[in-house]
């Protein structure tokens, strides 16, 4: 029922992105990671109309937990 209200059909096809990213470990702390990158559309072959982003900038932060 929800799919019939959307302006596009279910995803069908192939999409490819290149995602270069830089990782940084601030203050020499090996458990904290900060990343900045960009996602660039390089290839698409779709059978139906799909809303695609040509490029996207992203920032990622992470913390490594140690479980014993």
N, C-alpha and C. Protein backbone atom coordinates (compact mmCIF):
# COMPACT_ATOMS: atom_id res chain seq x y z
N UNK A 1 0.82 -1.19 0.00
CA UNK A 1 0.00 0.00 0.00
C UNK A 1 0.87 1.26 0.00
N UNK A 2 1.95 1.27 0.77
CA UNK A 2 2.83 2.43 0.83
C UNK A 2 3.55 2.65 -0.50
N UNK A 3 3.98 1.57 -1.16
CA UNK A 3 4.71 1.70 -2.42
C UNK A 3 3.87 2.35 -3.51
N UNK A 4 2.57 2.15 -3.49
CA UNK A 4 1.73 2.76 -4.53
C UNK A 4 1.63 4.27 -4.38
N UNK A 5 1.91 4.81 -3.20
CA UNK A 5 1.85 6.26 -2.97
C UNK A 5 3.17 6.97 -3.29
N UNK A 6 4.27 6.22 -3.42
CA UNK A 6 5.56 6.83 -3.70
C UNK A 6 5.66 7.23 -5.18
N UNK A 7 6.44 8.29 -5.50
CA UNK A 7 6.53 8.76 -6.89
C UNK A 7 7.42 7.90 -7.78
N UNK A 8 8.05 6.85 -7.24
CA UNK A 8 8.90 5.98 -8.04
C UNK A 8 8.68 4.53 -7.62
N UNK A 9 9.09 3.61 -8.50
CA UNK A 9 8.90 2.19 -8.23
C UNK A 9 10.07 1.66 -7.41
N UNK A 10 9.99 0.40 -7.05
CA UNK A 10 11.08 -0.23 -6.29
C UNK A 10 12.37 -0.17 -7.10
N UNK A 11 13.48 -0.10 -6.42
CA UNK A 11 14.79 0.03 -7.06
C UNK A 11 15.07 -1.14 -7.99
N UNK A 12 15.49 -0.85 -9.21
CA UNK A 12 15.88 -1.89 -10.15
C UNK A 12 17.01 -1.36 -11.01
N UNK A 13 18.15 -2.03 -10.96
CA UNK A 13 19.28 -1.61 -11.77
C UNK A 13 20.58 -1.66 -10.99
N UNK A 14 21.59 -1.01 -11.56
CA UNK A 14 22.94 -1.02 -10.98
C UNK A 14 23.40 0.42 -10.83
N UNK A 15 23.96 0.74 -9.65
CA UNK A 15 24.51 2.08 -9.39
C UNK A 15 25.89 1.89 -8.78
N UNK A 16 26.88 2.68 -9.22
CA UNK A 16 28.23 2.59 -8.70
C UNK A 16 28.75 3.94 -8.24
N UNK A 17 29.39 3.95 -7.07
CA UNK A 17 29.97 5.16 -6.50
C UNK A 17 31.45 4.93 -6.19
N UNK A 18 32.24 6.00 -6.26
CA UNK A 18 33.61 6.01 -5.75
C UNK A 18 33.58 6.85 -4.49
N UNK A 19 34.20 6.33 -3.41
CA UNK A 19 34.12 7.02 -2.12
C UNK A 19 35.51 7.22 -1.50
N UNK A 20 36.29 8.18 -1.99
CA UNK A 20 37.56 8.47 -1.32
C UNK A 20 37.30 9.09 0.05
N UNK A 21 38.14 8.71 1.02
CA UNK A 21 37.94 9.16 2.40
C UNK A 21 39.28 9.33 3.09
N UNK A 22 39.37 10.29 3.99
CA UNK A 22 40.56 10.51 4.80
C UNK A 22 40.21 10.18 6.25
N UNK A 23 41.03 9.33 6.89
CA UNK A 23 40.84 8.98 8.29
C UNK A 23 41.88 9.71 9.13
N UNK A 24 41.50 10.16 10.29
CA UNK A 24 42.38 10.91 11.18
C UNK A 24 42.23 10.37 12.60
N UNK A 25 43.35 10.18 13.29
CA UNK A 25 43.35 9.77 14.68
C UNK A 25 43.78 10.97 15.53
N UNK A 26 42.81 11.70 16.12
CA UNK A 26 43.16 12.92 16.84
C UNK A 26 43.92 12.66 18.13
N UNK A 27 44.90 13.51 18.40
CA UNK A 27 45.66 13.51 19.65
C UNK A 27 46.33 12.18 19.95
N UNK A 28 46.62 11.39 18.94
CA UNK A 28 47.30 10.11 19.15
C UNK A 28 46.46 9.08 19.87
N UNK A 29 45.17 9.26 19.92
CA UNK A 29 44.28 8.30 20.58
C UNK A 29 43.89 7.23 19.56
N UNK A 30 44.36 6.00 19.70
CA UNK A 30 44.07 4.98 18.69
C UNK A 30 42.62 4.50 18.67
N UNK A 31 41.83 4.82 19.68
CA UNK A 31 40.45 4.35 19.72
C UNK A 31 39.46 5.31 19.07
N UNK A 32 39.85 6.57 18.85
CA UNK A 32 38.96 7.56 18.26
C UNK A 32 39.34 7.76 16.80
N UNK A 33 38.36 7.69 15.91
CA UNK A 33 38.58 7.87 14.48
C UNK A 33 37.65 8.95 13.95
N UNK A 34 38.19 9.84 13.12
CA UNK A 34 37.39 10.86 12.45
C UNK A 34 37.67 10.73 10.95
N UNK A 35 36.62 10.67 10.15
CA UNK A 35 36.78 10.53 8.71
C UNK A 35 35.97 11.56 7.95
N UNK A 36 36.53 12.05 6.84
CA UNK A 36 35.86 12.99 5.95
C UNK A 36 36.04 12.45 4.54
N UNK A 37 34.97 12.48 3.76
CA UNK A 37 35.07 11.96 2.40
C UNK A 37 33.97 12.50 1.51
N UNK A 38 34.00 12.01 0.28
CA UNK A 38 33.01 12.41 -0.70
C UNK A 38 32.58 11.15 -1.47
N UNK A 39 31.33 11.08 -1.82
CA UNK A 39 30.79 9.97 -2.59
C UNK A 39 30.41 10.50 -3.97
N UNK A 40 31.01 9.96 -5.03
CA UNK A 40 30.80 10.45 -6.40
C UNK A 40 30.14 9.37 -7.25
N UNK A 41 29.04 9.70 -7.91
CA UNK A 41 28.36 8.78 -8.80
C UNK A 41 29.20 8.55 -10.05
N UNK A 42 29.53 7.29 -10.35
CA UNK A 42 30.37 6.98 -11.51
C UNK A 42 29.64 6.17 -12.57
N UNK A 43 28.64 5.39 -12.18
CA UNK A 43 27.94 4.54 -13.14
C UNK A 43 26.51 4.30 -12.68
N UNK A 44 25.57 4.34 -13.62
CA UNK A 44 24.21 3.94 -13.29
C UNK A 44 23.53 3.36 -14.53
N UNK A 45 22.78 2.31 -14.32
CA UNK A 45 22.02 1.64 -15.35
C UNK A 45 20.70 1.23 -14.71
N UNK A 46 19.70 2.09 -14.79
CA UNK A 46 18.44 1.88 -14.10
C UNK A 46 17.32 1.61 -15.10
N UNK A 47 16.43 0.71 -14.74
CA UNK A 47 15.28 0.40 -15.59
C UNK A 47 14.11 1.35 -15.32
N UNK A 48 14.02 1.88 -14.12
CA UNK A 48 12.95 2.80 -13.73
C UNK A 48 13.58 4.08 -13.22
N UNK A 49 12.82 5.17 -13.17
CA UNK A 49 13.32 6.43 -12.61
C UNK A 49 13.61 6.25 -11.12
N UNK A 50 14.78 6.69 -10.70
CA UNK A 50 15.16 6.67 -9.28
C UNK A 50 15.80 8.00 -8.93
N UNK A 51 15.50 8.56 -7.77
CA UNK A 51 16.19 9.79 -7.35
C UNK A 51 17.61 9.44 -6.89
N UNK A 52 18.61 9.89 -7.63
CA UNK A 52 20.01 9.60 -7.32
C UNK A 52 20.74 10.88 -6.96
N UNK A 53 21.71 10.76 -6.07
CA UNK A 53 22.58 11.89 -5.73
C UNK A 53 23.83 11.78 -6.58
N UNK A 54 24.24 12.87 -7.19
CA UNK A 54 25.45 12.87 -8.01
C UNK A 54 26.70 12.91 -7.12
N UNK A 55 26.62 13.61 -6.00
CA UNK A 55 27.74 13.64 -5.06
C UNK A 55 27.20 13.89 -3.65
N UNK A 56 27.98 13.46 -2.68
CA UNK A 56 27.60 13.63 -1.28
C UNK A 56 28.87 13.75 -0.45
N UNK A 57 28.92 14.70 0.47
CA UNK A 57 30.02 14.87 1.40
C UNK A 57 29.59 14.27 2.73
N UNK A 58 30.48 13.52 3.37
CA UNK A 58 30.13 12.92 4.65
C UNK A 58 31.26 13.06 5.65
N UNK A 59 30.88 13.09 6.92
CA UNK A 59 31.80 13.14 8.05
C UNK A 59 31.43 11.99 8.98
N UNK A 60 32.43 11.22 9.37
CA UNK A 60 32.18 10.06 10.23
C UNK A 60 33.05 10.14 11.47
N UNK A 61 32.48 9.77 12.60
CA UNK A 61 33.23 9.68 13.85
C UNK A 61 32.99 8.29 14.43
N UNK A 62 34.03 7.74 15.05
CA UNK A 62 33.87 6.41 15.62
C UNK A 62 34.74 6.22 16.84
N UNK A 63 34.37 5.27 17.65
CA UNK A 63 35.12 4.90 18.84
C UNK A 63 35.22 3.38 18.87
N UNK A 64 36.42 2.85 19.03
CA UNK A 64 36.60 1.41 19.07
C UNK A 64 36.47 0.91 20.51
N UNK A 65 35.49 0.06 20.75
CA UNK A 65 35.29 -0.55 22.05
C UNK A 65 36.04 -1.87 22.11
N UNK A 66 36.59 -2.17 23.27
CA UNK A 66 37.29 -3.43 23.44
C UNK A 66 36.48 -4.33 24.36
N UNK A 67 36.05 -5.46 23.82
CA UNK A 67 35.29 -6.42 24.61
C UNK A 67 36.18 -7.60 24.95
N UNK A 68 36.03 -8.11 26.17
CA UNK A 68 36.84 -9.26 26.59
C UNK A 68 36.00 -10.48 26.74
